[in-house]
Amino acid sequence: MPTIAPISELRNYGQVLEKVRPNAPVYLTQNGHGEYSVHSIEDDEEFEKTKAMLKLMIELNKGFQSGEQQGWKNEEDLDRYFAEKRRQKEAEVER
């Protein structure tokens, strides 16, 4: 459960930091409106993992839609495609 505190409590920031727990950020208000949040590193890491997973799911969905609209590739086509990509990359490295 989050804690809500006025930004003026940062004068004693140690007391504010003591209130921060995983899954329980401290929200700081200024003139009665939410302005900042202080959260644990654990929460930040979880947020970054969630963002990465969402990006992956979006890209997978794009691939699925592309396959449905443009047709699916068979294994031989994929092998040729990636072999060509490897050759191109090797040629770039040699330059």
C-alpha atoms as a PDB file:
ATOM      1  CA  MET A   1       0.000   0.000   0.000  1.00  0.00           C
ATOM      2  CA  PRO A   2       1.507   3.379  -0.956  1.00  0.00           C
ATOM      3  CA  THR A   3       2.190   6.136   1.510  1.00  0.00           C
ATOM      4  CA  ILE A   4       1.290   9.709   0.636  1.00  0.00           C
ATOM      5  CA  ALA A   5       3.340  12.501   2.145  1.00  0.00           C
ATOM      6  CA  PRO A   6       3.882  16.197   1.458  1.00  0.00           C
ATOM      7  CA  ILE A   7       7.146  17.044  -0.252  1.00  0.00           C
ATOM      8  CA  SER A   8       8.110  19.113   2.795  1.00  0.00           C
ATOM      9  CA  GLU A   9       8.807  15.814   4.604  1.00  0.00           C
ATOM     10  CA  LEU A  10      11.965  15.524   2.511  1.00  0.00           C
ATOM     11  CA  ARG A  11      13.619  17.827   5.038  1.00  0.00           C
ATOM     12  CA  ASN A  12      13.907  14.608   7.032  1.00  0.00           C
ATOM     13  CA  TYR A  13      14.486  12.364   4.034  1.00  0.00           C
ATOM     14  CA  GLY A  14      15.658   9.491   6.229  1.00  0.00           C
ATOM     15  CA  GLN A  15      12.186   9.205   7.706  1.00  0.00           C
ATOM     16  CA  VAL A  16      10.657   9.238   4.216  1.00  0.00           C
ATOM     17  CA  LEU A  17      13.035   6.510   3.008  1.00  0.00           C
ATOM     18  CA  GLU A  18      12.173   4.337   6.015  1.00  0.00           C
ATOM     19  CA  LYS A  19       8.571   4.246   4.761  1.00  0.00           C
ATOM     20  CA  VAL A  20       9.571   2.866   1.328  1.00  0.00           C
ATOM     21  CA  ARG A  21       9.026  -0.890   0.974  1.00  0.00           C
ATOM     22  CA  PRO A  22       8.779  -3.228  -2.013  1.00  0.00           C
ATOM     23  CA  ASN A  23       5.332  -2.795  -3.546  1.00  0.00           C
ATOM     24  CA  ALA A  24       4.739   0.172  -1.225  1.00  0.00           C
ATOM     25  CA  PRO A  25       6.148   3.393  -2.705  1.00  0.00           C
ATOM     26  CA  VAL A  26       5.945   6.801  -1.070  1.00  0.00           C
ATOM     27  CA  TYR A  27       4.118   9.401  -3.141  1.00  0.00           C
ATOM     28  CA  LEU A  28       5.153  12.982  -2.530  1.00  0.00           C
ATOM     29  CA  THR A  29       2.678  15.772  -3.036  1.00  0.00           C
ATOM     30  CA  GLN A  30       3.194  19.430  -3.736  1.00  0.00           C
ATOM     31  CA  ASN A  31       0.316  21.853  -3.160  1.00  0.00           C
ATOM     32  CA  GLY A  32      -1.993  18.869  -2.704  1.00  0.00           C
ATOM     33  CA  HIS A  33      -1.157  17.236  -6.038  1.00  0.00           C
ATOM     34  CA  GLY A  34       0.924  14.132  -6.671  1.00  0.00           C
ATOM     35  CA  GLU A  35       4.353  15.168  -7.899  1.00  0.00           C
ATOM     36  CA  TYR A  36       6.959  12.440  -7.236  1.00  0.00           C
ATOM     37  CA  SER A  37       7.265   8.837  -6.136  1.00  0.00           C
ATOM     38  CA  VAL A  38      10.015   7.097  -4.220  1.00  0.00           C
ATOM     39  CA  HIS A  39      10.127   3.353  -4.723  1.00  0.00           C
ATOM     40  CA  SER A  40      12.485   0.474  -4.010  1.00  0.00           C
ATOM     41  CA  ILE A  41      15.070  -0.793  -6.480  1.00  0.00           C
ATOM     42  CA  GLU A  42      13.210  -4.114  -6.427  1.00  0.00           C
ATOM     43  CA  ASP A  43      10.107  -2.344  -7.756  1.00  0.00           C
ATOM     44  CA  ASP A  44      12.184  -0.587 -10.400  1.00  0.00           C
ATOM     45  CA  GLU A  45      13.697  -3.878 -11.579  1.00  0.00           C
ATOM     46  CA  GLU A  46      10.247  -5.449 -11.774  1.00  0.00           C
ATOM     47  CA  PHE A  47       8.996  -2.457 -13.769  1.00  0.00           C
ATOM     48  CA  GLU A  48      11.889  -2.776 -16.247  1.00  0.00           C
ATOM     49  CA  LYS A  49      11.235  -6.515 -16.668  1.00  0.00           C
ATOM     50  CA  THR A  50       7.561  -5.791 -17.300  1.00  0.00           C
ATOM     51  CA  LYS A  51       8.422  -3.153 -19.914  1.00  0.00           C
ATOM     52  CA  ALA A  52      10.787  -5.571 -21.681  1.00  0.00           C
ATOM     53  CA  MET A  53       8.157  -8.312 -21.646  1.00  0.00           C
ATOM     54  CA  LEU A  54       5.555  -5.933 -23.066  1.00  0.00           C
ATOM     55  CA  LYS A  55       7.918  -4.883 -25.882  1.00  0.00           C
ATOM     56  CA  LEU A  56       8.582  -8.544 -26.675  1.00  0.00           C
ATOM     57  CA  MET A  57       4.871  -9.341 -26.734  1.00  0.00           C
ATOM     58  CA  ILE A  58       4.224  -6.394 -29.072  1.00  0.00           C
ATOM     59  CA  GLU A  59       6.943  -7.559 -31.479  1.00  0.00           C
ATOM     60  CA  LEU A  60       5.694 -11.149 -31.371  1.00  0.00           C
ATOM     61  CA  ASN A  61       2.184  -9.923 -32.120  1.00  0.00           C
ATOM     62  CA  LYS A  62       3.502  -7.898 -35.090  1.00  0.00           C
ATOM     63  CA  GLY A  63       5.206 -11.035 -36.395  1.00  0.00           C
ATOM     64  CA  PHE A  64       2.060 -13.083 -35.965  1.00  0.00           C
ATOM     65  CA  GLN A  65      -0.029 -10.465 -37.789  1.00  0.00           C
ATOM     66  CA  SER A  66       2.555 -10.310 -40.572  1.00  0.00           C
ATOM     67  CA  GLY A  67       2.439 -14.089 -40.941  1.00  0.00           C
ATOM     68  CA  GLU A  68      -1.334 -14.053 -41.110  1.00  0.00           C
ATOM     69  CA  GLN A  69      -1.421 -11.227 -43.677  1.00  0.00           C
ATOM     70  CA  GLN A  70       1.593 -12.026 -45.851  1.00  0.00           C
ATOM     71  CA  GLY A  71       1.837 -15.765 -45.364  1.00  0.00           C
ATOM     72  CA  TRP A  72       4.070 -17.881 -43.204  1.00  0.00           C
ATOM     73  CA  LYS A  73       7.646 -18.799 -44.139  1.00  0.00           C
ATOM     74  CA  ASN A  74       8.789 -22.394 -44.230  1.00  0.00           C
ATOM     75  CA  GLU A  75      11.981 -23.692 -42.638  1.00  0.00           C
ATOM     76  CA  GLU A  76      14.027 -23.626 -45.860  1.00  0.00           C
ATOM     77  CA  ASP A  77      13.106 -19.973 -46.483  1.00  0.00           C
ATOM     78  CA  LEU A  78      14.173 -19.067 -42.966  1.00  0.00           C
ATOM     79  CA  ASP A  79      17.478 -20.938 -43.327  1.00  0.00           C
ATOM     80  CA  ARG A  80      18.209 -19.074 -46.588  1.00  0.00           C
ATOM     81  CA  TYR A  81      17.200 -15.725 -45.086  1.00  0.00           C
ATOM     82  CA  PHE A  82      19.458 -16.055 -42.043  1.00  0.00           C
ATOM     83  CA  ALA A  83      22.344 -17.512 -44.059  1.00  0.00           C
ATOM     84  CA  GLU A  84      22.183 -14.431 -46.315  1.00  0.00           C
ATOM     85  CA  LYS A  85      22.103 -12.152 -43.253  1.00  0.00           C
ATOM     86  CA  ARG A  86      25.225 -13.883 -41.891  1.00  0.00           C
ATOM     87  CA  ARG A  87      27.015 -13.474 -45.253  1.00  0.00           C
ATOM     88  CA  GLN A  88      26.105  -9.770 -45.335  1.00  0.00           C
ATOM     89  CA  LYS A  89      27.380  -9.252 -41.791  1.00  0.00           C
ATOM     90  CA  GLU A  90      30.628 -11.084 -42.546  1.00  0.00           C
ATOM     91  CA  ALA A  91      31.115  -8.950 -45.677  1.00  0.00           C
ATOM     92  CA  GLU A  92      30.620  -5.784 -43.624  1.00  0.00           C
ATOM     93  CA  VAL A  93      33.186  -6.910 -41.057  1.00  0.00           C
ATOM     94  CA  GLU A  94      35.747  -7.626 -43.807  1.00  0.00           C
ATOM     95  CA  ARG A  95      35.452  -4.071 -45.190  1.00  0.00           C
END
